[in-house]
Amino acid sequence: MTFSIVAFDPKTGDLGVAVQSKFPCVGSVVPWAKANVGAIATQAFVNTTYGPMGLKLLEEGYSASEVLSKLLKDDDLREQRQVGIIDAKGNAVAFTGKECFYWAGQVVGENFSCQGNILVSDETVKSMAEAFKETEGDLADKLLAVLSAADEEGRGDVRGKQSANLLIVREKGGYGGYTDIMVDIRVDDHKEPIKELKRIFNIYDMIMLEREDPMNLIKIEGDVSLNIKRVLIELGYLEKDPNKISELWEEIDRKAFENWIGINNYENKWKTDGTVWKSVYNYLIKEKGTPMVQLKKMSEI
């Protein structure tokens, strides 16, 4: 039915869960995480109280092992449950009940736990563990690689696939720093949920996350300046004669570009030092984005 990973990034403190299942809307059931506390995946015959209750116990100072014991102790259906838990120090534990459908089990390692049930074989969780250990990059890169590894060559769910979720938390890592939810992307019903999850993440990454290498910044000068202006004129953001523009980056150009940035949701990527992220520049030139729209404030209506 389901395979998942709970993991911790010691470099950033990020905690996350990635999961795929032959079950609709898996992101609303299996993954739970809280910044600086821990992450939990509760699956098989799911006991959804394991998520909030487990995080509460972790926050109270119980170890991952202690939390697991407490969750299982009073659960009469424990042998039908599967759960992976990791704390904010990277200590991970997992449990697979004896009544979970074959193949079911887990691989627990440093800073992660991979678990699954109704799988083709134990190769699924083994490949997931190897992908986590071998993949370079931050937690998002690792978790997506883990899902892909499980999905390759029919290693995953015996019954097929339907939904997937990527959840990552970081203190003040959400939009504008107002929440701790850094990433929460859900594919609720799709023939290829992991591929769709990665496609959506790439969009989200470009717009919302600050993960780009500083070497990917380019100066707005020369042809870069001219190309940006031509597109801004075409889309209605900049009122200039396209045949009379110069390479000089003026204040009117900067304001027009800032308007394009805002309307196309790139606020997190806006630079005020005369540079532009290569990803944003490429998107502007190739995709162009939304034409200028006249936005009015309520005070103007």
Protein backbone atom coordinates (compact mmCIF):
# COMPACT_ATOMS: atom_id res chain seq x y z
CA MET A 1 0.00 0.00 0.00
CA THR A 2 2.58 2.55 1.10
CA PHE A 3 6.28 3.36 1.32
CA SER A 4 7.71 6.36 3.14
CA ILE A 5 10.76 7.93 4.70
CA VAL A 6 11.14 10.14 7.75
CA ALA A 7 14.43 12.03 7.83
CA PHE A 8 16.56 14.75 9.42
CA ASP A 9 19.20 17.03 7.89
CA PRO A 10 21.90 17.76 10.50
CA LYS A 11 23.28 20.64 8.42
CA THR A 12 20.05 22.65 8.37
CA GLY A 13 17.93 21.08 11.09
CA ASP A 14 15.22 20.34 8.53
CA LEU A 15 12.84 17.47 9.22
CA GLY A 16 10.71 15.79 6.60
CA VAL A 17 8.52 12.99 5.34
CA ALA A 18 8.11 11.70 1.80
CA VAL A 19 5.50 9.11 0.94
CA GLN A 20 3.76 7.36 -1.94
CA SER A 21 0.72 5.11 -1.68
CA LYS A 22 -1.98 3.27 -3.61
CA PHE A 23 -4.40 5.33 -1.59
CA PRO A 24 -5.90 8.72 -2.44
CA CYS A 25 -4.73 11.89 -0.68
CA VAL A 26 -1.98 10.16 1.30
CA GLY A 27 -0.63 13.55 2.38
CA SER A 28 -3.66 14.07 4.60
CA VAL A 29 -3.08 10.84 6.55
CA VAL A 30 0.50 9.54 6.73
CA PRO A 31 2.99 12.43 7.15
CA TRP A 32 3.38 14.52 10.31
CA ALA A 33 6.22 16.88 11.21
CA LYS A 34 7.02 19.79 13.48
CA ALA A 35 10.09 22.01 13.26
CA ASN A 36 12.72 21.38 15.95
CA VAL A 37 10.64 18.44 17.21
CA GLY A 38 10.44 15.51 14.81
CA ALA A 39 8.71 13.74 11.94
CA ILE A 40 6.38 10.75 11.87
CA ALA A 41 4.93 8.51 9.17
CA THR A 42 1.95 6.45 10.31
CA GLN A 43 0.71 3.88 7.80
CA ALA A 44 -0.62 0.36 7.03
CA PHE A 45 -3.93 0.26 8.96
CA VAL A 46 -3.32 3.87 9.94
CA ASN A 47 -3.79 5.17 13.44
CA THR A 48 -3.86 8.90 12.73
CA THR A 49 -3.46 9.75 16.42
CA TYR A 50 0.14 8.55 16.18
CA GLY A 51 1.04 11.75 14.32
CA PRO A 52 -0.11 14.52 16.67
CA MET A 53 0.33 12.41 19.81
CA GLY A 54 3.82 11.34 18.83
CA LEU A 55 4.93 14.90 18.07
CA LYS A 56 3.53 16.07 21.40
CA LEU A 57 5.52 13.41 23.24
CA LEU A 58 8.70 14.28 21.33
CA GLU A 59 8.21 17.93 22.21
CA GLU A 60 7.85 16.96 25.86
CA GLY A 61 11.31 15.44 25.73
CA TYR A 62 10.68 11.74 25.21
CA SER A 63 13.09 9.93 22.90
CA ALA A 64 11.93 8.46 19.61
CA SER A 65 12.09 4.97 21.11
CA GLU A 66 10.09 6.02 24.15
CA VAL A 67 7.48 7.66 21.95
CA LEU A 68 7.13 4.52 19.86
CA SER A 69 6.63 2.40 22.97
CA LYS A 70 3.99 4.75 24.36
CA LEU A 71 2.07 4.84 21.07
CA LEU A 72 2.00 1.07 20.75
CA LYS A 73 1.34 0.25 24.39
CA ASP A 74 -2.38 1.00 24.50
CA ASP A 75 -3.18 0.21 20.86
CA ASP A 76 -5.02 -3.10 20.59
CA LEU A 77 -4.47 -3.09 16.82
CA ARG A 78 -0.73 -2.43 17.04
CA GLU A 79 0.11 -5.50 14.96
CA GLN A 80 -1.71 -3.92 12.01
CA ARG A 81 0.22 -0.66 12.27
CA GLN A 82 3.41 0.58 10.71
CA VAL A 83 5.17 3.72 11.87
CA GLY A 84 8.48 5.53 11.44
CA ILE A 85 9.62 8.22 13.89
CA ILE A 86 12.62 10.55 13.93
CA ASP A 87 13.50 13.25 16.44
CA ALA A 88 15.24 16.59 15.98
CA LYS A 89 18.63 15.00 16.65
CA GLY A 90 18.32 12.40 13.91
CA ASN A 91 17.48 9.45 16.15
CA ALA A 92 15.09 7.19 14.24
CA VAL A 93 12.98 4.15 15.07
CA ALA A 94 10.33 2.16 13.22
CA PHE A 95 7.80 -0.57 13.85
CA THR A 96 6.02 -2.99 11.53
CA GLY A 97 3.22 -5.07 13.02
CA LYS A 98 3.08 -8.81 12.41
CA GLU A 99 -0.31 -8.51 10.73
CA CYS A 100 0.77 -5.98 8.08
CA PHE A 101 0.42 -7.35 4.56
CA TYR A 102 3.52 -8.85 2.90
CA TRP A 103 6.06 -7.51 2.09
CA ALA A 104 6.32 -5.15 5.03
CA GLY A 105 9.32 -3.88 6.95
CA GLN A 106 11.82 -1.09 7.43
CA VAL A 107 15.44 0.00 7.22
CA VAL A 108 16.58 2.41 9.93
CA GLY A 109 19.82 4.34 9.61
CA GLU A 110 21.58 7.51 10.66
CA ASN A 111 19.14 10.41 10.29
CA PHE A 112 16.42 8.37 8.54
CA SER A 113 13.96 5.50 8.59
CA CYS A 114 12.44 3.94 5.47
CA GLN A 115 9.35 1.77 5.83
CA GLY A 116 6.72 0.20 3.62
CA ASN A 117 3.99 -2.41 3.33
CA ILE A 118 2.39 -4.44 0.53
CA LEU A 119 5.66 -4.02 -1.37
CA VAL A 120 7.16 -6.16 -4.11
CA SER A 121 10.05 -7.13 -1.81
CA ASP A 122 12.52 -5.85 0.75
CA GLU A 123 14.48 -4.35 -2.17
CA THR A 124 12.14 -1.38 -2.03
CA VAL A 125 13.20 -0.12 1.39
CA LYS A 126 16.81 -1.15 0.76
CA SER A 127 16.94 0.95 -2.40
CA MET A 128 15.33 3.83 -0.53
CA ALA A 129 17.95 3.70 2.21
CA GLU A 130 20.81 3.62 -0.31
CA ALA A 131 19.35 6.57 -2.21
CA PHE A 132 19.14 8.62 0.97
CA LYS A 133 22.74 7.90 1.90
CA GLU A 134 24.19 8.41 -1.58
CA THR A 135 22.26 11.46 -2.82
CA GLU A 136 23.99 14.83 -2.55
CA GLY A 137 22.04 17.98 -1.75
CA ASP A 138 19.62 19.12 0.88
CA LEU A 139 16.71 17.23 2.40
CA ALA A 140 14.34 17.90 -0.50
CA ASP A 141 16.82 16.44 -2.99
CA LYS A 142 17.34 13.37 -0.82
CA LEU A 143 13.66 12.70 -0.17
CA LEU A 144 12.71 12.98 -3.83
CA ALA A 145 15.57 10.67 -4.77
CA VAL A 146 14.32 8.16 -2.20
CA LEU A 147 10.84 8.10 -3.71
CA SER A 148 12.25 7.73 -7.21
CA ALA A 149 14.48 4.84 -6.13
CA ALA A 150 11.49 3.00 -4.68
CA ASP A 151 9.47 3.62 -7.81
CA GLU A 152 12.09 2.34 -10.26
CA GLU A 153 11.79 -1.07 -11.88
CA GLY A 154 8.52 -1.90 -10.18
CA ARG A 155 10.02 -2.00 -6.70
CA GLY A 156 7.11 -0.20 -5.08
CA ASP A 157 3.56 -1.04 -4.13
CA VAL A 158 2.23 -4.38 -5.41
CA ARG A 159 -1.15 -2.79 -6.18
CA GLY A 160 0.17 0.21 -8.08
CA LYS A 161 0.37 3.90 -7.21
CA GLN A 162 -1.99 6.80 -6.72
CA SER A 163 -0.83 9.64 -4.47
CA ALA A 164 2.32 11.15 -2.98
CA ASN A 165 3.44 13.88 -0.60
CA LEU A 166 6.61 15.78 0.27
CA LEU A 167 6.57 17.53 3.65
CA ILE A 168 9.55 19.47 5.04
CA VAL A 169 9.57 21.73 8.09
CA ARG A 170 12.07 24.35 9.25
CA GLU A 171 11.66 27.04 11.87
CA LYS A 172 10.25 30.09 10.04
CA GLY A 173 10.93 28.29 6.77
CA GLY A 174 7.46 28.92 5.33
CA TYR A 175 6.33 31.70 3.02
CA GLY A 176 7.38 35.05 4.47
CA GLY A 177 8.76 33.32 7.55
CA TYR A 178 5.30 33.16 9.12
CA THR A 179 5.10 29.37 9.46
CA ASP A 180 7.48 26.44 9.76
CA ILE A 181 6.09 24.56 6.74
CA MET A 182 8.87 24.90 4.20
CA VAL A 183 7.47 22.40 1.69
CA ASP A 184 4.09 20.66 1.59
CA ILE A 185 3.37 19.38 -1.90
CA ARG A 186 0.60 16.86 -2.42
CA VAL A 187 -0.40 14.82 -5.43
CA ASP A 188 -3.75 13.38 -4.42
CA ASP A 189 -4.68 11.24 -7.44
CA HIS A 190 -2.39 10.60 -10.40
CA LYS A 191 -1.18 7.72 -12.56
CA GLU A 192 2.44 8.74 -11.90
CA PRO A 193 2.32 10.51 -8.52
CA ILE A 194 6.07 10.68 -7.93
CA LYS A 195 6.82 12.14 -11.35
CA GLU A 196 4.01 14.64 -10.84
CA LEU A 197 5.31 15.47 -7.36
CA LYS A 198 8.75 16.23 -8.79
CA ARG A 199 7.25 18.36 -11.55
CA ILE A 200 5.31 20.47 -9.08
CA PHE A 201 8.28 20.69 -6.73
CA ASN A 202 10.45 22.12 -9.52
CA ILE A 203 7.94 24.93 -9.96
CA TYR A 204 7.67 25.50 -6.22
CA ASP A 205 11.44 25.40 -5.84
CA MET A 206 11.98 28.06 -8.48
CA ILE A 207 9.37 30.40 -7.00
CA MET A 208 9.42 29.77 -3.27
CA LEU A 209 12.72 28.30 -2.09
CA GLU A 210 16.09 29.96 -1.73
CA ARG A 211 18.34 27.07 -2.70
CA GLU A 212 20.17 28.40 -5.73
CA ASP A 213 23.94 28.63 -5.93
CA PRO A 214 25.11 32.29 -5.72
CA MET A 215 27.07 31.54 -8.89
CA ASN A 216 23.71 31.44 -10.68
CA LEU A 217 23.26 35.20 -10.28
CA ILE A 218 23.86 37.22 -13.45
CA LYS A 219 24.33 40.97 -13.83
CA ILE A 220 21.62 42.94 -15.58
CA GLU A 221 23.75 44.53 -18.26
CA GLY A 222 24.44 44.21 -21.97
CA ASP A 223 22.27 41.67 -23.76
CA VAL A 224 20.67 40.57 -20.48
CA SER A 225 19.37 44.09 -19.92
CA LEU A 226 18.15 44.38 -23.50
CA ASN A 227 16.42 41.00 -23.46
CA ILE A 228 14.61 41.73 -20.21
CA LYS A 229 13.40 45.09 -21.51
CA ARG A 230 12.13 43.61 -24.77
CA VAL A 231 9.97 41.07 -22.94
CA LEU A 232 8.72 43.65 -20.43
CA ILE A 233 7.71 45.91 -23.31
CA GLU A 234 5.99 43.03 -25.10
CA LEU A 235 4.02 42.11 -21.97
CA GLY A 236 3.02 45.69 -21.22
CA TYR A 237 5.13 46.28 -18.11
CA LEU A 238 7.47 48.80 -19.71
CA GLU A 239 6.35 51.69 -21.89
CA LYS A 240 9.27 52.24 -24.23
CA ASP A 241 9.95 52.00 -27.94
CA PRO A 242 11.60 48.57 -28.40
CA ASN A 243 13.68 50.01 -31.23
CA LYS A 244 15.18 52.74 -29.03
CA ILE A 245 16.14 50.91 -25.84
CA SER A 246 19.71 50.92 -24.53
CA GLU A 247 21.73 48.57 -22.35
CA LEU A 248 21.55 51.06 -19.46
CA TRP A 249 19.43 49.66 -16.61
CA GLU A 250 17.35 52.63 -15.45
CA GLU A 251 14.98 53.09 -12.52
CA ILE A 252 11.93 52.84 -14.79
CA ASP A 253 13.25 49.48 -16.02
CA ARG A 254 13.85 48.27 -12.48
CA LYS A 255 10.31 49.19 -11.41
CA ALA A 256 8.81 47.46 -14.45
CA PHE A 257 10.81 44.32 -13.71
CA GLU A 258 9.78 44.44 -10.05
CA ASN A 259 6.12 44.56 -11.14
CA TRP A 260 6.66 41.52 -13.34
CA ILE A 261 8.37 39.74 -10.44
CA GLY A 262 5.40 40.40 -8.13
CA ILE A 263 2.65 39.46 -10.56
CA ASN A 264 4.46 36.23 -11.48
CA ASN A 265 5.01 35.24 -7.82
CA TYR A 266 8.80 35.59 -7.73
CA GLU A 267 8.95 37.87 -4.67
CA ASN A 268 11.34 35.50 -2.91
CA LYS A 269 13.74 35.76 -5.84
CA TRP A 270 13.74 39.56 -6.22
CA LYS A 271 17.24 41.11 -6.14
CA THR A 272 17.91 44.81 -5.56
CA ASP A 273 21.61 44.80 -6.45
CA GLY A 274 21.30 44.84 -10.23
CA THR A 275 21.40 41.07 -10.60
CA VAL A 276 18.85 38.40 -11.46
CA TRP A 277 18.72 34.69 -10.75
CA LYS A 278 19.44 32.70 -13.90
CA SER A 279 16.30 30.60 -13.32
CA VAL A 280 14.13 33.72 -13.21
CA TYR A 281 15.82 35.21 -16.27
CA ASN A 282 15.40 31.98 -18.24
CA TYR A 283 11.74 31.77 -17.29
CA LEU A 284 11.14 35.38 -18.35
CA ILE A 285 12.84 34.90 -21.71
CA LYS A 286 11.39 31.46 -22.52
CA GLU A 287 7.96 31.49 -20.87
CA LYS A 288 7.44 35.25 -20.48
CA GLY A 289 4.84 34.78 -17.77
CA THR A 290 1.69 36.76 -17.11
CA PRO A 291 1.06 39.94 -19.13
CA MET A 292 0.65 43.19 -17.25
CA VAL A 293 -2.66 43.39 -15.43
CA GLN A 294 -4.09 46.48 -13.84
CA LEU A 295 -4.31 45.76 -10.13
CA LYS A 296 -6.23 48.12 -7.90
CA LYS A 297 -6.11 48.47 -4.14
CA MET A 298 -9.40 48.53 -2.25
CA SER A 299 -8.75 52.18 -1.41
CA GLU A 300 -8.83 52.99 -5.13
CA ILE A 301 -12.21 51.37 -5.75
